[in-house]
């Protein structure tokens, strides 16, 4: 499941906890420790991104965003390129 979560975030770049929960049909509270695993490894970060207007009607998982913090292998510059 950890690798599936990693792949999901690599492809999407960012997602709310609710979106992740729906995709994996898993309770948000069960996903947080897995997301924390990738956060400790420096691969995922909690995102400040939110569409919340502050009305307090949203579920906390709807405004809790995570994003992939590491560029995909295709995005890394090749050795010898002018981007080094």
PDB file of N, CA and C in Angstrom:
ATOM      1  N   UNK A   1       0.822  -1.199   0.000  1.00  0.00           N
ATOM      2  CA  UNK A   1       0.000   0.000   0.000  1.00  0.00           C
ATOM      3  C   UNK A   1       0.866   1.263   0.000  1.00  0.00           C
ATOM      4  N   UNK A   2       2.017   1.206   0.691  1.00  0.00           N
ATOM      5  CA  UNK A   2       2.905   2.374   0.705  1.00  0.00           C
ATOM      6  C   UNK A   2       3.362   2.732  -0.704  1.00  0.00           C
ATOM      7  N   UNK A   3       3.710   1.729  -1.491  1.00  0.00           N
ATOM      8  CA  UNK A   3       4.178   1.993  -2.847  1.00  0.00           C
ATOM      9  C   UNK A   3       3.030   2.488  -3.731  1.00  0.00           C
ATOM     10  N   UNK A   4       1.834   1.980  -3.504  1.00  0.00           N
ATOM     11  CA  UNK A   4       0.669   2.457  -4.260  1.00  0.00           C
ATOM     12  C   UNK A   4       0.396   3.926  -3.935  1.00  0.00           C
ATOM     13  N   UNK A   5       0.504   4.276  -2.673  1.00  0.00           N
ATOM     14  CA  UNK A   5       0.310   5.658  -2.250  1.00  0.00           C
ATOM     15  C   UNK A   5       1.377   6.558  -2.880  1.00  0.00           C
ATOM     16  N   UNK A   6       2.610   6.093  -2.878  1.00  0.00           N
ATOM     17  CA  UNK A   6       3.715   6.827  -3.495  1.00  0.00           C
ATOM     18  C   UNK A   6       3.431   7.062  -4.976  1.00  0.00           C
ATOM     19  N   UNK A   7       3.035   6.015  -5.676  1.00  0.00           N
ATOM     20  CA  UNK A   7       2.754   6.139  -7.113  1.00  0.00           C
ATOM     21  C   UNK A   7       1.599   7.100  -7.375  1.00  0.00           C
ATOM     22  N   UNK A   8       0.576   7.020  -6.560  1.00  0.00           N
ATOM     23  CA  UNK A   8      -0.588   7.890  -6.717  1.00  0.00           C
ATOM     24  C   UNK A   8      -0.183   9.357  -6.603  1.00  0.00           C
ATOM     25  N   UNK A   9       0.599   9.681  -5.581  1.00  0.00           N
ATOM     26  CA  UNK A   9       1.008  11.074  -5.390  1.00  0.00           C
ATOM     27  C   UNK A   9       2.035  11.519  -6.425  1.00  0.00           C
ATOM     28  N   UNK A  10       2.888  10.622  -6.875  1.00  0.00           N
ATOM     29  CA  UNK A  10       3.840  10.977  -7.934  1.00  0.00           C
ATOM     30  C   UNK A  10       3.100  11.407  -9.197  1.00  0.00           C
ATOM     31  N   UNK A  11       2.066  10.672  -9.535  1.00  0.00           N
ATOM     32  CA  UNK A  11       1.301  10.966 -10.752  1.00  0.00           C
ATOM     33  C   UNK A  11       0.451  12.220 -10.580  1.00  0.00           C
ATOM     34  N   UNK A  12      -0.216  12.347  -9.457  1.00  0.00           N
ATOM     35  CA  UNK A  12      -1.138  13.472  -9.233  1.00  0.00           C
ATOM     36  C   UNK A  12      -0.437  14.749  -8.782  1.00  0.00           C
ATOM     37  N   UNK A  13       0.722  14.628  -8.210  1.00  0.00           N
ATOM     38  CA  UNK A  13       1.483  15.722  -7.611  1.00  0.00           C
ATOM     39  C   UNK A  13       0.895  16.188  -6.290  1.00  0.00           C
ATOM     40  N   UNK A  14      -0.405  16.364  -6.192  1.00  0.00           N
ATOM     41  CA  UNK A  14      -1.017  16.713  -4.911  1.00  0.00           C
ATOM     42  C   UNK A  14      -2.453  16.217  -4.890  1.00  0.00           C
ATOM     43  N   UNK A  15      -2.946  15.992  -3.672  1.00  0.00           N
ATOM     44  CA  UNK A  15      -4.322  15.525  -3.498  1.00  0.00           C
ATOM     45  C   UNK A  15      -4.739  15.784  -2.058  1.00  0.00           C
ATOM     46  N   UNK A  16      -6.033  15.961  -1.871  1.00  0.00           N
ATOM     47  CA  UNK A  16      -6.541  16.105  -0.510  1.00  0.00           C
ATOM     48  C   UNK A  16      -6.613  14.720   0.128  1.00  0.00           C
ATOM     49  N   UNK A  17      -6.643  14.698   1.438  1.00  0.00           N
ATOM     50  CA  UNK A  17      -6.764  13.431   2.144  1.00  0.00           C
ATOM     51  C   UNK A  17      -8.064  12.731   1.748  1.00  0.00           C
ATOM     52  N   UNK A  18      -9.107  13.498   1.508  1.00  0.00           N
ATOM     53  CA  UNK A  18     -10.380  12.907   1.075  1.00  0.00           C
ATOM     54  C   UNK A  18     -10.233  12.226  -0.282  1.00  0.00           C
ATOM     55  N   UNK A  19      -9.547  12.881  -1.227  1.00  0.00           N
ATOM     56  CA  UNK A  19      -9.333  12.278  -2.548  1.00  0.00           C
ATOM     57  C   UNK A  19      -8.525  10.983  -2.436  1.00  0.00           C
ATOM     58  N   UNK A  20      -7.486  11.008  -1.623  1.00  0.00           N
ATOM     59  CA  UNK A  20      -6.663   9.813  -1.434  1.00  0.00           C
ATOM     60  C   UNK A  20      -7.490   8.704  -0.797  1.00  0.00           C
ATOM     61  N   UNK A  21      -8.262   9.072   0.203  1.00  0.00           N
ATOM     62  CA  UNK A  21      -9.114   8.112   0.904  1.00  0.00           C
ATOM     63  C   UNK A  21     -10.110   7.448  -0.035  1.00  0.00           C
ATOM     64  N   UNK A  22     -10.731   8.238  -0.883  1.00  0.00           N
ATOM     65  CA  UNK A  22     -11.700   7.689  -1.847  1.00  0.00           C
ATOM     66  C   UNK A  22     -11.014   6.782  -2.861  1.00  0.00           C
ATOM     67  N   UNK A  23      -9.849   7.210  -3.340  1.00  0.00           N
ATOM     68  CA  UNK A  23      -9.134   6.416  -4.338  1.00  0.00           C
ATOM     69  C   UNK A  23      -8.786   5.031  -3.804  1.00  0.00           C
ATOM     70  N   UNK A  24      -8.309   4.969  -2.562  1.00  0.00           N
ATOM     71  CA  UNK A  24      -7.882   3.695  -1.980  1.00  0.00           C
ATOM     72  C   UNK A  24      -8.976   3.018  -1.152  1.00  0.00           C
ATOM     73  N   UNK A  25     -10.161   3.630  -1.065  1.00  0.00           N
ATOM     74  CA  UNK A  25     -11.274   3.093  -0.271  1.00  0.00           C
ATOM     75  C   UNK A  25     -10.778   2.750   1.143  1.00  0.00           C
ATOM     76  N   UNK A  26     -10.084   3.724   1.732  1.00  0.00           N
ATOM     77  CA  UNK A  26      -9.468   3.544   3.045  1.00  0.00           C
ATOM     78  C   UNK A  26      -9.783   4.753   3.914  1.00  0.00           C
ATOM     79  N   UNK A  27      -9.998   4.509   5.187  1.00  0.00           N
ATOM     80  CA  UNK A  27     -10.292   5.579   6.133  1.00  0.00           C
ATOM     81  C   UNK A  27      -9.119   6.567   6.201  1.00  0.00           C
ATOM     82  N   UNK A  28      -9.403   7.872   6.223  1.00  0.00           N
ATOM     83  CA  UNK A  28      -8.325   8.861   6.314  1.00  0.00           C
ATOM     84  C   UNK A  28      -7.385   8.637   7.495  1.00  0.00           C
ATOM     85  N   UNK A  29      -7.922   8.199   8.635  1.00  0.00           N
ATOM     86  CA  UNK A  29      -7.078   7.958   9.805  1.00  0.00           C
ATOM     87  C   UNK A  29      -6.095   6.809   9.582  1.00  0.00           C
ATOM     88  N   UNK A  30      -6.422   5.883   8.698  1.00  0.00           N
ATOM     89  CA  UNK A  30      -5.501   4.791   8.364  1.00  0.00           C
ATOM     90  C   UNK A  30      -4.429   5.254   7.380  1.00  0.00           C
ATOM     91  N   UNK A  31      -4.738   6.281   6.595  1.00  0.00           N
ATOM     92  CA  UNK A  31      -3.784   6.788   5.605  1.00  0.00           C
ATOM     93  C   UNK A  31      -2.741   7.716   6.206  1.00  0.00           C
ATOM     94  N   UNK A  32      -3.100   8.436   7.245  1.00  0.00           N
ATOM     95  CA  UNK A  32      -2.168   9.420   7.819  1.00  0.00           C
ATOM     96  C   UNK A  32      -0.820   8.818   8.219  1.00  0.00           C
ATOM     97  N   UNK A  33      -0.779   7.647   8.894  1.00  0.00           N
ATOM     98  CA  UNK A  33       0.538   7.075   9.222  1.00  0.00           C
ATOM     99  C   UNK A  33       1.360   6.731   7.975  1.00  0.00           C
ATOM    100  N   UNK A  34       0.704   6.318   6.915  1.00  0.00           N
ATOM    101  CA  UNK A  34       1.420   6.016   5.672  1.00  0.00           C
ATOM    102  C   UNK A  34       1.958   7.299   5.038  1.00  0.00           C
ATOM    103  N   UNK A  35       1.155   8.340   5.053  1.00  0.00           N
ATOM    104  CA  UNK A  35       1.616   9.627   4.544  1.00  0.00           C
ATOM    105  C   UNK A  35       2.757  10.162   5.416  1.00  0.00           C
ATOM    106  N   UNK A  36       2.646   9.971   6.727  1.00  0.00           N
ATOM    107  CA  UNK A  36       3.716  10.393   7.635  1.00  0.00           C
ATOM    108  C   UNK A  36       5.018   9.652   7.332  1.00  0.00           C
ATOM    109  N   UNK A  37       4.932   8.390   6.936  1.00  0.00           N
ATOM    110  CA  UNK A  37       6.118   7.622   6.543  1.00  0.00           C
ATOM    111  C   UNK A  37       6.846   8.332   5.404  1.00  0.00           C
ATOM    112  N   UNK A  38       6.101   8.730   4.362  1.00  0.00           N
ATOM    113  CA  UNK A  38       6.715   9.391   3.207  1.00  0.00           C
ATOM    114  C   UNK A  38       7.167  10.814   3.564  1.00  0.00           C
ATOM    115  N   UNK A  39       6.483  11.455   4.503  1.00  0.00           N
ATOM    116  CA  UNK A  39       6.911  12.779   4.962  1.00  0.00           C
ATOM    117  C   UNK A  39       8.266  12.656   5.659  1.00  0.00           C
ATOM    118  N   UNK A  40       8.416  11.657   6.534  1.00  0.00           N
ATOM    119  CA  UNK A  40       9.699  11.457   7.236  1.00  0.00           C
ATOM    120  C   UNK A  40      10.832  11.190   6.258  1.00  0.00           C
ATOM    121  N   UNK A  41      10.542  10.545   5.157  1.00  0.00           N
ATOM    122  CA  UNK A  41      11.558  10.246   4.142  1.00  0.00           C
ATOM    123  C   UNK A  41      11.818  11.443   3.223  1.00  0.00           C
ATOM    124  N   UNK A  42      11.034  12.509   3.393  1.00  0.00           N
ATOM    125  CA  UNK A  42      11.230  13.702   2.580  1.00  0.00           C
ATOM    126  C   UNK A  42      10.621  13.611   1.190  1.00  0.00           C
ATOM    127  N   UNK A  43       9.768  12.651   0.964  1.00  0.00           N
ATOM    128  CA  UNK A  43       9.169  12.464  -0.356  1.00  0.00           C
ATOM    129  C   UNK A  43       7.816  13.142  -0.501  1.00  0.00           C
ATOM    130  N   UNK A  44       7.141  13.361   0.612  1.00  0.00           N
ATOM    131  CA  UNK A  44       5.807  13.987   0.613  1.00  0.00           C
ATOM    132  C   UNK A  44       5.835  15.124   1.617  1.00  0.00           C
ATOM    133  N   UNK A  45       5.052  16.147   1.345  1.00  0.00           N
ATOM    134  CA  UNK A  45       4.900  17.240   2.315  1.00  0.00           C
ATOM    135  C   UNK A  45       3.426  17.619   2.398  1.00  0.00           C
ATOM    136  N   UNK A  46       3.061  18.100   3.575  1.00  0.00           N
ATOM    137  CA  UNK A  46       1.714  18.655   3.721  1.00  0.00           C
ATOM    138  C   UNK A  46       1.704  19.970   2.971  1.00  0.00           C
ATOM    139  N   UNK A  47       0.644  20.205   2.260  1.00  0.00           N
ATOM    140  CA  UNK A  47       0.555  21.402   1.440  1.00  0.00           C
ATOM    141  C   UNK A  47      -0.322  22.434   2.110  1.00  0.00           C
ATOM    142  N   UNK A  48       0.049  23.675   1.944  1.00  0.00           N
ATOM    143  CA  UNK A  48      -0.756  24.774   2.471  1.00  0.00           C
ATOM    144  C   UNK A  48      -1.911  25.089   1.540  1.00  0.00           C
ATOM    145  N   UNK A  49      -1.931  24.470   0.372  1.00  0.00           N
ATOM    146  CA  UNK A  49      -2.974  24.726  -0.617  1.00  0.00           C
ATOM    147  C   UNK A  49      -4.340  24.372  -0.044  1.00  0.00           C
ATOM    148  N   UNK A  50      -5.281  25.253  -0.228  1.00  0.00           N
ATOM    149  CA  UNK A  50      -6.635  25.013   0.245  1.00  0.00           C
ATOM    150  C   UNK A  50      -7.597  25.922  -0.489  1.00  0.00           C
ATOM    151  N   UNK A  51      -8.752  25.396  -0.788  1.00  0.00           N
ATOM    152  CA  UNK A  51      -9.811  26.189  -1.403  1.00  0.00           C
ATOM    153  C   UNK A  51     -10.802  26.655  -0.341  1.00  0.00           C
ATOM    154  N   UNK A  52     -10.414  26.495   0.894  1.00  0.00           N
ATOM    155  CA  UNK A  52     -11.305  26.790   2.006  1.00  0.00           C
ATOM    156  C   UNK A  52     -11.490  28.298   2.168  1.00  0.00           C
ATOM    157  N   UNK A  53     -12.732  28.676   2.347  1.00  0.00           N
ATOM    158  CA  UNK A  53     -13.039  30.077   2.578  1.00  0.00           C
ATOM    159  C   UNK A  53     -13.203  30.392   4.055  1.00  0.00           C
ATOM    160  N   UNK A  54     -13.033  29.380   4.915  1.00  0.00           N
ATOM    161  CA  UNK A  54     -13.089  29.615   6.348  1.00  0.00           C
ATOM    162  C   UNK A  54     -14.461  29.482   6.972  1.00  0.00           C
ATOM    163  N   UNK A  55     -15.395  28.809   6.291  1.00  0.00           N
ATOM    164  CA  UNK A  55     -16.748  28.706   6.837  1.00  0.00           C
ATOM    165  C   UNK A  55     -16.876  27.615   7.896  1.00  0.00           C
ATOM    166  N   UNK A  56     -15.869  26.739   8.029  1.00  0.00           N
ATOM    167  CA  UNK A  56     -15.858  25.639   9.006  1.00  0.00           C
ATOM    168  C   UNK A  56     -16.855  24.534   8.683  1.00  0.00           C
ATOM    169  N   UNK A  57     -17.401  24.508   7.470  1.00  0.00           N
ATOM    170  CA  UNK A  57     -18.349  23.465   7.092  1.00  0.00           C
ATOM    171  C   UNK A  57     -17.669  22.267   6.444  1.00  0.00           C
ATOM    172  N   UNK A  58     -16.422  22.423   6.036  1.00  0.00           N
ATOM    173  CA  UNK A  58     -15.696  21.344   5.374  1.00  0.00           C
ATOM    174  C   UNK A  58     -15.200  20.326   6.392  1.00  0.00           C
ATOM    175  N   UNK A  59     -15.185  19.077   5.971  1.00  0.00           N
ATOM    176  CA  UNK A  59     -14.555  18.052   6.802  1.00  0.00           C
ATOM    177  C   UNK A  59     -13.056  18.315   6.813  1.00  0.00           C
ATOM    178  N   UNK A  60     -12.386  18.087   7.931  1.00  0.00           N
ATOM    179  CA  UNK A  60     -10.945  18.356   7.995  1.00  0.00           C
ATOM    180  C   UNK A  60     -10.153  17.668   6.886  1.00  0.00           C
ATOM    181  N   UNK A  61     -10.549  16.459   6.495  1.00  0.00           N
ATOM    182  CA  UNK A  61      -9.827  15.728   5.447  1.00  0.00           C
ATOM    183  C   UNK A  61      -9.984  16.388   4.080  1.00  0.00           C
ATOM    184  N   UNK A  62     -11.029  17.204   3.912  1.00  0.00           N
ATOM    185  CA  UNK A  62     -11.243  17.891   2.633  1.00  0.00           C
ATOM    186  C   UNK A  62     -10.245  19.018   2.412  1.00  0.00           C
ATOM    187  N   UNK A  63      -9.712  19.567   3.479  1.00  0.00           N
ATOM    188  CA  UNK A  63      -8.787  20.700   3.356  1.00  0.00           C
ATOM    189  C   UNK A  63      -7.371  20.327   3.792  1.00  0.00           C
ATOM    190  N   UNK A  64      -7.129  19.046   3.989  1.00  0.00           N
ATOM    191  CA  UNK A  64      -5.799  18.533   4.338  1.00  0.00           C
ATOM    192  C   UNK A  64      -5.174  18.000   3.051  1.00  0.00           C
ATOM    193  N   UNK A  65      -4.172  18.713   2.517  1.00  0.00           N
ATOM    194  CA  UNK A  65      -3.562  18.364   1.238  1.00  0.00           C
ATOM    195  C   UNK A  65      -2.153  17.835   1.428  1.00  0.00           C
ATOM    196  N   UNK A  66      -1.795  16.912   0.559  1.00  0.00           N
ATOM    197  CA  UNK A  66      -0.445  16.345   0.534  1.00  0.00           C
ATOM    198  C   UNK A  66       0.070  16.455  -0.885  1.00  0.00           C
ATOM    199  N   UNK A  67       1.377  16.696  -1.009  1.00  0.00           N
ATOM    200  CA  UNK A  67       1.954  16.788  -2.345  1.00  0.00           C
ATOM    201  C   UNK A  67       3.281  16.041  -2.392  1.00  0.00           C
ATOM    202  N   UNK A  68       3.584  15.527  -3.574  1.00  0.00           N
ATOM    203  CA  UNK A  68       4.833  14.828  -3.804  1.00  0.00           C
ATOM    204  C   UNK A  68       5.945  15.853  -3.806  1.00  0.00           C
ATOM    205  N   UNK A  69       6.987  15.613  -3.030  1.00  0.00           N
ATOM    206  CA  UNK A  69       8.044  16.598  -2.843  1.00  0.00           C
ATOM    207  C   UNK A  69       9.285  16.299  -3.674  1.00  0.00           C
ATOM    208  N   UNK A  70       9.284  15.215  -4.378  1.00  0.00           N
ATOM    209  CA  UNK A  70      10.458  14.809  -5.141  1.00  0.00           C
ATOM    210  C   UNK A  70      10.109  14.796  -6.624  1.00  0.00           C
ATOM    211  N   UNK A  71      10.951  15.355  -7.473  1.00  0.00           N
ATOM    212  CA  UNK A  71      10.636  15.332  -8.900  1.00  0.00           C
ATOM    213  C   UNK A  71      10.623  13.906  -9.439  1.00  0.00           C
ATOM    214  N   UNK A  72       9.793  13.660 -10.431  1.00  0.00           N
ATOM    215  CA  UNK A  72       9.748  12.341 -11.048  1.00  0.00           C
ATOM    216  C   UNK A  72      11.052  12.093 -11.793  1.00  0.00           C
ATOM    217  N   UNK A  73      11.434  10.833 -12.027  1.00  0.00           N
ATOM    218  CA  UNK A  73      12.691  10.547 -12.716  1.00  0.00           C
ATOM    219  C   UNK A  73      12.776  11.224 -14.086  1.00  0.00           C
ATOM    220  N   UNK A  74      11.677  11.386 -14.776  1.00  0.00           N
ATOM    221  CA  UNK A  74      11.671  12.008 -16.084  1.00  0.00           C
ATOM    222  C   UNK A  74      12.002  13.510 -16.005  1.00  0.00           C
ATOM    223  N   UNK A  75      11.769  14.115 -14.845  1.00  0.00           N
ATOM    224  CA  UNK A  75      11.988  15.540 -14.683  1.00  0.00           C
ATOM    225  C   UNK A  75      13.427  15.886 -14.266  1.00  0.00           C
ATOM    226  N   UNK A  76      14.191  14.861 -13.869  1.00  0.00           N
ATOM    227  CA  UNK A  76      15.559  15.101 -13.430  1.00  0.00           C
ATOM    228  C   UNK A  76      16.454  15.363 -14.647  1.00  0.00           C
ATOM    229  N   UNK A  77      17.348  16.351 -14.567  1.00  0.00           N
ATOM    230  CA  UNK A  77      18.244  16.617 -15.687  1.00  0.00           C
ATOM    231  C   UNK A  77      19.206  15.461 -15.908  1.00  0.00           C
ATOM    232  N   UNK A  78      19.541  15.213 -17.152  1.00  0.00           N
ATOM    233  CA  UNK A  78      20.485  14.148 -17.493  1.00  0.00           C
ATOM    234  C   UNK A  78      21.898  14.646 -17.268  1.00  0.00           C
ATOM    235  N   UNK A  79      22.798  13.735 -16.851  1.00  0.00           N
ATOM    236  CA  UNK A  79      24.193  14.142 -16.674  1.00  0.00           C
ATOM    237  C   UNK A  79      24.749  14.728 -17.972  1.00  0.00           C
ATOM    238  N   UNK A  80      25.490  15.801 -17.834  1.00  0.00           N
ATOM    239  CA  UNK A  80      26.100  16.436 -18.998  1.00  0.00           C
ATOM    240  C   UNK A  80      25.211  17.447 -19.680  1.00  0.00           C
ATOM    241  N   UNK A  81      23.960  17.583 -19.192  1.00  0.00           N
ATOM    242  CA  UNK A  81      23.070  18.574 -19.819  1.00  0.00           C
ATOM    243  C   UNK A  81      23.436  19.960 -19.302  1.00  0.00           C
ATOM    244  N   UNK A  82      22.931  20.977 -19.957  1.00  0.00           N
ATOM    245  CA  UNK A  82      23.258  22.346 -19.573  1.00  0.00           C
ATOM    246  C   UNK A  82      22.503  22.804 -18.324  1.00  0.00           C
ATOM    247  N   UNK A  83      21.638  21.950 -17.746  1.00  0.00           N
ATOM    248  CA  UNK A  83      20.847  22.314 -16.573  1.00  0.00           C
ATOM    249  C   UNK A  83      21.544  21.990 -15.272  1.00  0.00           C
ATOM    250  N   UNK A  84      22.788  21.540 -15.306  1.00  0.00           N
ATOM    251  CA  UNK A  84      23.482  21.159 -14.075  1.00  0.00           C
ATOM    252  C   UNK A  84      24.029  22.353 -13.355  1.00  0.00           C
TER     253      UNK A  84
END
